[in-house]
C-alpha cells in the first residue's frame, strides 16, 4: 500500500465518525510535502470553514500518533467544489446528467480522453455520451475524472458550491 492509501486508511474511520466522507487524499512532494484531503458532509449540506477545521484537527491528531509521513508537511483540508473530482463509482451515478472529463489508463478505441454528459453507471461501467459518440469506461480504467462547470451545474448548485 502506498503512503496515500495508508493515510486514507488511518483517517477514514475518524472522518466518517465526524459526519464526513473522504472524496480524495493526495500527497504532493517537494521540500515540505503537502497532504491534501478533500471531503464532503454525509448529510449533503455545503462544507463550511468550520467543517474543514474540525477535519483538520482530527486528522492532525491521528497523523501525529501514526506518523505515516516522514518529516514536516502541510495539511490542507477542502471541499470538492463545483468542478469536483469524480473518485468513486457512486460519484458518476450521483452526477449523471452533468458534463465530465475523463482520462483513462488504457485507450478505448484509440482514445484516452473523453468529455461529455454522464449517463450513469451500469455495473462497474461508466456510461458517457461523449463528444465523438457514446462511451463505456470501466471504473478501474479511470485515471482521473472531474465535473466540468456548465450553466446546468451552476443552476443545480443554486449559485453556490455544493459538497
N, C-alpha and C. Protein backbone atom coordinates (compact mmCIF):
# COMPACT_ATOMS: atom_id res chain seq x y z
N UNK A 1 0.85 -1.19 0.00
CA UNK A 1 0.00 0.00 0.00
C UNK A 1 0.89 1.25 0.00
N UNK A 2 0.56 2.21 -0.86
CA UNK A 2 1.35 3.44 -0.92
C UNK A 2 1.01 4.36 0.26
N UNK A 3 1.77 5.44 0.39
CA UNK A 3 1.59 6.35 1.53
C UNK A 3 0.19 6.96 1.56
N UNK A 4 -0.33 7.34 0.39
CA UNK A 4 -1.66 7.94 0.34
C UNK A 4 -2.73 6.94 0.80
N UNK A 5 -2.61 5.70 0.35
CA UNK A 5 -3.55 4.66 0.76
C UNK A 5 -3.49 4.41 2.25
N UNK A 6 -2.28 4.40 2.80
CA UNK A 6 -2.08 4.20 4.24
C UNK A 6 -2.71 5.35 5.04
N UNK A 7 -2.49 6.58 4.58
CA UNK A 7 -3.05 7.75 5.26
C UNK A 7 -4.58 7.69 5.21
N UNK A 8 -5.13 7.36 4.06
CA UNK A 8 -6.58 7.28 3.93
C UNK A 8 -7.15 6.21 4.87
N UNK A 9 -6.45 5.10 4.99
CA UNK A 9 -6.86 4.02 5.88
C UNK A 9 -6.86 4.49 7.34
N UNK A 10 -5.87 5.28 7.71
CA UNK A 10 -5.75 5.78 9.09
C UNK A 10 -6.86 6.77 9.42
N UNK A 11 -7.16 7.69 8.51
CA UNK A 11 -8.05 8.81 8.83
C UNK A 11 -9.53 8.54 8.55
N UNK A 12 -9.85 7.61 7.65
CA UNK A 12 -11.24 7.42 7.23
C UNK A 12 -12.21 7.15 8.38
N UNK A 13 -11.93 6.23 9.30
CA UNK A 13 -12.91 5.98 10.37
C UNK A 13 -13.22 7.24 11.19
N UNK A 14 -12.22 8.02 11.50
CA UNK A 14 -12.42 9.23 12.30
C UNK A 14 -13.20 10.29 11.52
N UNK A 15 -12.86 10.48 10.25
CA UNK A 15 -13.55 11.47 9.42
C UNK A 15 -15.02 11.07 9.26
N UNK A 16 -15.26 9.78 9.04
CA UNK A 16 -16.65 9.32 8.89
C UNK A 16 -17.42 9.46 10.20
N UNK A 17 -16.76 9.23 11.33
CA UNK A 17 -17.42 9.37 12.63
C UNK A 17 -17.85 10.81 12.88
N UNK A 18 -17.15 11.76 12.29
CA UNK A 18 -17.49 13.18 12.42
C UNK A 18 -18.63 13.59 11.49
N UNK A 19 -19.02 12.70 10.57
CA UNK A 19 -20.12 13.00 9.66
C UNK A 19 -19.68 13.46 8.28
N UNK A 20 -18.47 13.07 7.88
CA UNK A 20 -17.94 13.46 6.58
C UNK A 20 -17.52 12.22 5.80
N UNK A 21 -17.33 12.40 4.50
CA UNK A 21 -16.84 11.32 3.65
C UNK A 21 -15.65 11.86 2.87
N UNK A 22 -14.61 11.07 2.79
CA UNK A 22 -13.42 11.48 2.06
C UNK A 22 -13.67 11.31 0.57
N UNK A 23 -13.39 12.37 -0.18
CA UNK A 23 -13.52 12.34 -1.63
C UNK A 23 -12.18 11.97 -2.25
N UNK A 24 -11.11 12.56 -1.73
CA UNK A 24 -9.78 12.29 -2.28
C UNK A 24 -8.71 12.64 -1.27
N UNK A 25 -7.62 11.86 -1.27
CA UNK A 25 -6.42 12.15 -0.48
C UNK A 25 -5.26 12.18 -1.45
N UNK A 26 -4.49 13.27 -1.43
CA UNK A 26 -3.30 13.40 -2.28
C UNK A 26 -2.12 13.82 -1.43
N UNK A 27 -0.97 13.24 -1.70
CA UNK A 27 0.27 13.65 -1.04
C UNK A 27 1.19 14.16 -2.14
N UNK A 28 1.41 15.46 -2.12
CA UNK A 28 2.22 16.10 -3.15
C UNK A 28 3.61 16.35 -2.59
N UNK A 29 4.63 15.94 -3.35
CA UNK A 29 6.01 16.01 -2.87
C UNK A 29 6.58 17.41 -2.82
N UNK A 30 7.89 17.47 -2.66
CA UNK A 30 8.59 18.74 -2.54
C UNK A 30 9.41 18.75 -1.27
N UNK A 31 10.05 19.89 -1.01
CA UNK A 31 10.87 20.03 0.20
C UNK A 31 10.02 19.78 1.44
N UNK A 32 8.82 20.36 1.43
CA UNK A 32 7.87 20.15 2.52
C UNK A 32 6.58 19.65 1.87
N UNK A 33 6.33 18.33 1.91
CA UNK A 33 5.16 17.77 1.23
C UNK A 33 3.85 18.38 1.73
N UNK A 34 2.85 18.36 0.85
CA UNK A 34 1.52 18.83 1.19
C UNK A 34 0.56 17.64 1.13
N UNK A 35 -0.18 17.44 2.21
CA UNK A 35 -1.21 16.42 2.26
C UNK A 35 -2.54 17.11 2.04
N UNK A 36 -3.19 16.81 0.91
CA UNK A 36 -4.48 17.40 0.58
C UNK A 36 -5.58 16.39 0.85
N UNK A 37 -6.55 16.80 1.64
CA UNK A 37 -7.70 15.96 1.95
C UNK A 37 -8.95 16.71 1.49
N UNK A 38 -9.69 16.09 0.60
CA UNK A 38 -10.94 16.66 0.11
C UNK A 38 -12.07 15.82 0.70
N UNK A 39 -13.02 16.50 1.33
CA UNK A 39 -14.12 15.79 1.99
C UNK A 39 -15.43 16.52 1.77
N UNK A 40 -16.51 15.78 2.02
CA UNK A 40 -17.84 16.38 1.94
C UNK A 40 -18.67 15.85 3.10
N UNK A 41 -19.71 16.60 3.42
CA UNK A 41 -20.61 16.20 4.51
C UNK A 41 -21.49 15.06 4.05
N UNK A 42 -21.73 14.09 4.92
CA UNK A 42 -22.59 12.97 4.55
C UNK A 42 -24.07 13.37 4.52
N UNK A 43 -24.42 14.49 5.15
CA UNK A 43 -25.81 14.94 5.13
C UNK A 43 -26.14 15.78 3.90
N UNK A 44 -25.14 16.00 3.03
CA UNK A 44 -25.37 16.74 1.79
C UNK A 44 -25.31 18.25 1.93
N UNK A 45 -25.17 18.75 3.14
CA UNK A 45 -25.08 20.21 3.34
C UNK A 45 -23.73 20.71 2.82
N UNK A 46 -23.66 21.99 2.45
CA UNK A 46 -22.39 22.55 1.99
C UNK A 46 -21.34 22.52 3.09
N UNK A 47 -20.09 22.33 2.71
CA UNK A 47 -18.97 22.37 3.65
C UNK A 47 -18.71 23.81 4.07
N UNK A 48 -18.37 23.99 5.34
CA UNK A 48 -18.02 25.30 5.86
C UNK A 48 -16.54 25.29 6.26
N UNK A 49 -16.04 26.46 6.57
CA UNK A 49 -14.66 26.57 7.05
C UNK A 49 -14.52 25.79 8.36
N UNK A 50 -15.55 25.84 9.21
CA UNK A 50 -15.52 25.12 10.48
C UNK A 50 -15.47 23.60 10.26
N UNK A 51 -16.20 23.12 9.24
CA UNK A 51 -16.13 21.70 8.90
C UNK A 51 -14.69 21.30 8.56
N UNK A 52 -14.05 22.10 7.73
CA UNK A 52 -12.66 21.82 7.34
C UNK A 52 -11.74 21.86 8.56
N UNK A 53 -11.99 22.80 9.46
CA UNK A 53 -11.17 22.91 10.68
C UNK A 53 -11.36 21.69 11.57
N UNK A 54 -12.61 21.20 11.69
CA UNK A 54 -12.88 20.01 12.50
C UNK A 54 -12.13 18.80 11.95
N UNK A 55 -12.19 18.63 10.62
CA UNK A 55 -11.48 17.51 9.99
C UNK A 55 -9.98 17.66 10.20
N UNK A 56 -9.48 18.86 10.03
CA UNK A 56 -8.05 19.13 10.17
C UNK A 56 -7.56 18.78 11.57
N UNK A 57 -8.30 19.18 12.60
CA UNK A 57 -7.91 18.88 13.97
C UNK A 57 -7.87 17.37 14.21
N UNK A 58 -8.90 16.68 13.75
CA UNK A 58 -8.98 15.23 13.94
C UNK A 58 -7.85 14.51 13.20
N UNK A 59 -7.64 14.87 11.95
CA UNK A 59 -6.61 14.24 11.12
C UNK A 59 -5.22 14.53 11.68
N UNK A 60 -4.98 15.76 12.10
CA UNK A 60 -3.67 16.12 12.67
C UNK A 60 -3.33 15.26 13.87
N UNK A 61 -4.30 15.09 14.76
CA UNK A 61 -4.08 14.28 15.96
C UNK A 61 -3.75 12.83 15.58
N UNK A 62 -4.50 12.27 14.64
CA UNK A 62 -4.25 10.89 14.22
C UNK A 62 -2.88 10.72 13.57
N UNK A 63 -2.54 11.66 12.69
CA UNK A 63 -1.27 11.54 11.98
C UNK A 63 -0.07 11.80 12.89
N UNK A 64 -0.29 12.61 13.93
CA UNK A 64 0.80 12.81 14.90
C UNK A 64 1.12 11.50 15.62
N UNK A 65 0.10 10.70 15.89
CA UNK A 65 0.29 9.41 16.58
C UNK A 65 0.85 8.36 15.62
N UNK A 66 0.22 8.22 14.45
CA UNK A 66 0.61 7.18 13.49
C UNK A 66 1.89 7.52 12.74
N UNK A 67 2.13 8.81 12.48
CA UNK A 67 3.33 9.32 11.83
C UNK A 67 3.66 8.64 10.49
N UNK A 68 2.71 8.63 9.53
CA UNK A 68 2.96 7.98 8.25
C UNK A 68 3.79 8.80 7.26
N UNK A 69 4.01 10.10 7.59
CA UNK A 69 4.77 10.97 6.70
C UNK A 69 6.05 11.37 7.41
N UNK A 70 7.17 11.04 6.79
CA UNK A 70 8.47 11.37 7.38
C UNK A 70 8.70 12.88 7.28
N UNK A 71 9.05 13.50 8.40
CA UNK A 71 9.37 14.93 8.41
C UNK A 71 8.14 15.82 8.43
N UNK A 72 8.40 17.11 8.22
CA UNK A 72 7.34 18.11 8.27
C UNK A 72 6.52 18.09 6.98
N UNK A 73 5.25 18.44 7.09
CA UNK A 73 4.37 18.52 5.92
C UNK A 73 3.28 19.55 6.20
N UNK A 74 2.60 19.97 5.15
CA UNK A 74 1.50 20.91 5.26
C UNK A 74 0.21 20.14 5.03
N UNK A 75 -0.79 20.36 5.89
CA UNK A 75 -2.09 19.71 5.76
C UNK A 75 -3.08 20.71 5.21
N UNK A 76 -3.77 20.33 4.12
CA UNK A 76 -4.82 21.15 3.53
C UNK A 76 -6.11 20.34 3.49
N UNK A 77 -7.17 20.89 4.05
CA UNK A 77 -8.48 20.23 4.02
C UNK A 77 -9.43 21.15 3.27
N UNK A 78 -10.16 20.58 2.29
CA UNK A 78 -11.06 21.41 1.50
C UNK A 78 -12.30 20.62 1.09
N UNK A 79 -13.27 21.35 0.56
CA UNK A 79 -14.46 20.73 -0.03
C UNK A 79 -14.15 20.46 -1.50
N UNK A 80 -14.92 19.60 -2.15
CA UNK A 80 -14.64 19.29 -3.55
C UNK A 80 -14.87 20.45 -4.51
N UNK A 81 -15.80 21.36 -4.21
CA UNK A 81 -16.08 22.45 -5.13
C UNK A 81 -16.94 21.99 -6.30
N UNK A 82 -17.29 22.91 -7.17
CA UNK A 82 -18.17 22.59 -8.28
C UNK A 82 -17.51 21.69 -9.32
N UNK A 83 -16.26 21.97 -9.67
CA UNK A 83 -15.58 21.14 -10.67
C UNK A 83 -14.84 19.99 -9.98
N UNK A 84 -15.55 19.37 -9.09
CA UNK A 84 -15.04 18.33 -8.20
C UNK A 84 -14.47 17.14 -8.97
N UNK A 85 -13.49 16.49 -8.37
CA UNK A 85 -13.03 15.23 -8.95
C UNK A 85 -14.08 14.15 -8.71
N UNK A 86 -14.17 13.23 -9.63
CA UNK A 86 -15.06 12.09 -9.50
C UNK A 86 -14.16 10.90 -9.18
N UNK A 87 -14.17 10.46 -7.93
CA UNK A 87 -13.20 9.46 -7.48
C UNK A 87 -13.82 8.13 -7.09
N UNK A 88 -15.13 8.12 -6.94
CA UNK A 88 -15.83 6.89 -6.51
C UNK A 88 -16.89 6.56 -7.56
N UNK A 89 -17.17 5.29 -7.74
CA UNK A 89 -18.17 4.88 -8.72
C UNK A 89 -19.50 5.59 -8.48
N UNK A 90 -19.86 5.76 -7.21
CA UNK A 90 -21.14 6.41 -6.90
C UNK A 90 -21.17 7.87 -7.35
N UNK A 91 -20.00 8.52 -7.48
CA UNK A 91 -19.96 9.90 -7.97
C UNK A 91 -20.50 9.99 -9.39
N UNK A 92 -20.17 8.99 -10.22
CA UNK A 92 -20.60 9.00 -11.61
C UNK A 92 -22.11 8.81 -11.72
N UNK A 93 -22.68 8.08 -10.79
CA UNK A 93 -24.14 7.90 -10.74
C UNK A 93 -24.80 9.18 -10.21
N UNK A 94 -24.24 9.71 -9.14
CA UNK A 94 -24.80 10.91 -8.48
C UNK A 94 -24.84 12.11 -9.42
N UNK A 95 -23.82 12.23 -10.28
CA UNK A 95 -23.73 13.41 -11.14
C UNK A 95 -24.14 13.11 -12.59
N UNK A 96 -24.93 12.04 -12.78
CA UNK A 96 -25.49 11.76 -14.11
C UNK A 96 -26.29 12.97 -14.56
N UNK A 97 -26.16 13.32 -15.83
CA UNK A 97 -26.85 14.49 -16.37
C UNK A 97 -25.96 15.72 -16.44
N UNK A 98 -24.75 15.62 -15.89
CA UNK A 98 -23.80 16.72 -15.94
C UNK A 98 -22.61 16.35 -16.81
N UNK A 99 -21.89 17.36 -17.26
CA UNK A 99 -20.73 17.16 -18.13
C UNK A 99 -19.49 16.85 -17.30
N UNK A 100 -18.71 15.89 -17.78
CA UNK A 100 -17.48 15.49 -17.08
C UNK A 100 -16.37 15.28 -18.10
N UNK A 101 -15.15 15.36 -17.60
CA UNK A 101 -13.96 14.99 -18.37
C UNK A 101 -13.37 13.76 -17.70
N UNK A 102 -12.99 12.77 -18.51
CA UNK A 102 -12.37 11.55 -18.01
C UNK A 102 -11.08 11.30 -18.77
N UNK A 103 -10.10 10.79 -18.07
CA UNK A 103 -8.88 10.31 -18.70
C UNK A 103 -8.70 8.87 -18.25
N UNK A 104 -8.44 7.99 -19.22
CA UNK A 104 -8.33 6.56 -18.91
C UNK A 104 -6.87 6.12 -18.84
N UNK A 105 -6.64 5.02 -18.14
CA UNK A 105 -5.31 4.43 -18.07
C UNK A 105 -4.95 3.77 -19.39
N UNK A 106 -5.92 3.05 -19.95
CA UNK A 106 -5.73 2.34 -21.21
C UNK A 106 -6.67 2.93 -22.25
N UNK A 107 -6.21 3.01 -23.49
CA UNK A 107 -7.02 3.59 -24.56
C UNK A 107 -8.27 2.75 -24.84
N UNK A 108 -9.34 3.44 -25.18
CA UNK A 108 -10.58 2.81 -25.61
C UNK A 108 -10.84 3.31 -27.02
N UNK A 109 -10.84 2.40 -27.97
CA UNK A 109 -10.99 2.78 -29.39
C UNK A 109 -10.02 3.89 -29.77
N UNK A 110 -8.76 3.75 -29.30
CA UNK A 110 -7.72 4.70 -29.64
C UNK A 110 -7.74 6.02 -28.88
N UNK A 111 -8.62 6.14 -27.89
CA UNK A 111 -8.74 7.39 -27.13
C UNK A 111 -8.49 7.16 -25.65
N UNK A 112 -7.90 8.16 -25.02
CA UNK A 112 -7.72 8.13 -23.56
C UNK A 112 -8.44 9.28 -22.88
N UNK A 113 -8.88 10.26 -23.63
CA UNK A 113 -9.55 11.43 -23.05
C UNK A 113 -10.97 11.52 -23.59
N UNK A 114 -11.91 11.72 -22.68
CA UNK A 114 -13.32 11.80 -23.02
C UNK A 114 -13.94 12.98 -22.31
N UNK A 115 -14.85 13.65 -23.00
CA UNK A 115 -15.62 14.74 -22.39
C UNK A 115 -17.05 14.58 -22.89
N UNK A 116 -17.99 14.65 -21.96
CA UNK A 116 -19.38 14.56 -22.37
C UNK A 116 -20.31 14.43 -21.19
N UNK A 117 -21.57 14.16 -21.49
CA UNK A 117 -22.63 14.06 -20.49
C UNK A 117 -22.58 12.69 -19.82
N UNK A 118 -22.50 12.70 -18.49
CA UNK A 118 -22.57 11.44 -17.75
C UNK A 118 -23.99 10.90 -17.84
N UNK A 119 -24.09 9.63 -18.19
CA UNK A 119 -25.40 8.98 -18.31
C UNK A 119 -25.67 8.05 -17.14
N UNK A 120 -24.68 7.82 -16.29
CA UNK A 120 -24.87 6.95 -15.14
C UNK A 120 -23.90 5.79 -15.15
N UNK A 121 -24.27 4.73 -14.43
CA UNK A 121 -23.40 3.58 -14.21
C UNK A 121 -24.19 2.31 -14.48
N UNK A 122 -23.54 1.35 -15.13
CA UNK A 122 -24.10 0.01 -15.29
C UNK A 122 -23.04 -0.96 -14.79
N UNK A 123 -23.30 -1.56 -13.64
CA UNK A 123 -22.30 -2.45 -13.04
C UNK A 123 -21.07 -1.65 -12.66
N UNK A 124 -19.92 -2.00 -13.24
CA UNK A 124 -18.67 -1.28 -12.99
C UNK A 124 -18.33 -0.30 -14.13
N UNK A 125 -19.27 -0.15 -15.08
CA UNK A 125 -19.02 0.71 -16.24
C UNK A 125 -19.68 2.07 -16.08
N UNK A 126 -18.94 3.10 -16.50
CA UNK A 126 -19.44 4.46 -16.53
C UNK A 126 -19.93 4.71 -17.95
N UNK A 127 -21.15 5.19 -18.08
CA UNK A 127 -21.74 5.46 -19.39
C UNK A 127 -21.65 6.96 -19.63
N UNK A 128 -21.11 7.32 -20.79
CA UNK A 128 -20.84 8.72 -21.11
C UNK A 128 -21.29 9.00 -22.54
N UNK A 129 -22.07 10.05 -22.71
CA UNK A 129 -22.44 10.50 -24.05
C UNK A 129 -21.36 11.50 -24.45
N UNK A 130 -20.24 10.96 -24.96
CA UNK A 130 -19.04 11.76 -25.19
C UNK A 130 -19.07 12.46 -26.53
N UNK A 131 -18.27 13.52 -26.62
CA UNK A 131 -18.04 14.17 -27.90
C UNK A 131 -17.40 13.09 -28.78
N UNK A 132 -17.95 12.85 -29.95
CA UNK A 132 -17.41 11.79 -30.79
C UNK A 132 -18.16 10.48 -30.63
N UNK A 133 -19.22 10.46 -29.82
CA UNK A 133 -20.03 9.26 -29.70
C UNK A 133 -20.08 8.71 -28.30
N UNK A 134 -21.03 7.78 -28.06
CA UNK A 134 -21.19 7.19 -26.73
C UNK A 134 -19.94 6.42 -26.31
N UNK A 135 -19.67 6.41 -25.01
CA UNK A 135 -18.51 5.69 -24.49
C UNK A 135 -18.91 4.93 -23.23
N UNK A 136 -18.25 3.81 -23.03
CA UNK A 136 -18.43 2.99 -21.84
C UNK A 136 -17.02 2.78 -21.29
N UNK A 137 -16.80 3.24 -20.05
CA UNK A 137 -15.47 3.17 -19.44
C UNK A 137 -15.58 2.38 -18.14
N UNK A 138 -14.80 1.33 -18.01
CA UNK A 138 -14.76 0.57 -16.78
C UNK A 138 -14.14 1.44 -15.69
N UNK A 139 -14.75 1.45 -14.50
CA UNK A 139 -14.28 2.30 -13.41
C UNK A 139 -12.79 2.11 -13.13
N UNK A 140 -12.30 0.87 -13.14
CA UNK A 140 -10.89 0.60 -12.87
C UNK A 140 -9.96 1.22 -13.91
N UNK A 141 -10.50 1.57 -15.09
CA UNK A 141 -9.69 2.16 -16.15
C UNK A 141 -9.62 3.68 -16.04
N UNK A 142 -10.36 4.29 -15.11
CA UNK A 142 -10.36 5.75 -14.97
C UNK A 142 -9.10 6.18 -14.23
N UNK A 143 -8.29 6.98 -14.91
CA UNK A 143 -7.10 7.54 -14.27
C UNK A 143 -7.48 8.77 -13.46
N UNK A 144 -8.25 9.66 -14.07
CA UNK A 144 -8.78 10.83 -13.37
C UNK A 144 -10.04 11.29 -14.08
N UNK A 145 -10.92 11.91 -13.29
CA UNK A 145 -12.18 12.42 -13.84
C UNK A 145 -12.65 13.58 -12.98
N UNK A 146 -13.33 14.52 -13.61
CA UNK A 146 -13.88 15.64 -12.86
C UNK A 146 -15.07 16.22 -13.59
N UNK A 147 -15.93 16.90 -12.83
CA UNK A 147 -17.04 17.61 -13.42
C UNK A 147 -16.53 18.85 -14.13
N UNK A 148 -17.24 19.25 -15.16
CA UNK A 148 -16.94 20.47 -15.90
C UNK A 148 -17.99 21.49 -15.49
N UNK A 149 -17.56 22.70 -15.14
CA UNK A 149 -18.51 23.73 -14.75
C UNK A 149 -19.29 24.16 -16.00
N UNK A 150 -20.61 24.00 -15.92
CA UNK A 150 -21.51 24.39 -17.00
C UNK A 150 -22.66 25.18 -16.39
N UNK A 151 -23.46 25.80 -17.24
CA UNK A 151 -24.64 26.52 -16.74
C UNK A 151 -25.56 25.59 -15.97
N UNK A 152 -25.70 24.34 -16.45
CA UNK A 152 -26.56 23.37 -15.78
C UNK A 152 -26.06 23.06 -14.37
N UNK A 153 -24.75 22.88 -14.24
CA UNK A 153 -24.16 22.59 -12.93
C UNK A 153 -24.34 23.78 -12.00
N UNK A 154 -24.14 24.99 -12.51
CA UNK A 154 -24.32 26.19 -11.69
C UNK A 154 -25.76 26.32 -11.23
N UNK A 155 -26.72 26.04 -12.12
CA UNK A 155 -28.13 26.11 -11.75
C UNK A 155 -28.45 25.07 -10.68
N UNK A 156 -27.93 23.85 -10.87
CA UNK A 156 -28.20 22.78 -9.90
C UNK A 156 -27.63 23.12 -8.53
N UNK A 157 -26.52 23.83 -8.51
CA UNK A 157 -25.89 24.21 -7.25
C UNK A 157 -26.57 25.43 -6.63
N UNK A 158 -27.48 26.03 -7.35
CA UNK A 158 -28.20 27.19 -6.81
C UNK A 158 -27.30 28.40 -6.66
N UNK A 159 -26.25 28.48 -7.50
CA UNK A 159 -25.34 29.61 -7.43
C UNK A 159 -24.34 29.52 -6.31
N UNK A 160 -24.34 28.40 -5.56
CA UNK A 160 -23.34 28.23 -4.51
C UNK A 160 -22.70 26.86 -4.64
N UNK A 161 -21.52 26.73 -4.08
CA UNK A 161 -20.82 25.46 -4.15
C UNK A 161 -21.60 24.40 -3.39
N UNK A 162 -21.62 23.20 -3.95
CA UNK A 162 -22.22 22.08 -3.24
C UNK A 162 -21.12 21.12 -2.87
N UNK A 163 -21.32 20.35 -1.78
CA UNK A 163 -20.30 19.44 -1.29
C UNK A 163 -20.22 18.16 -1.97
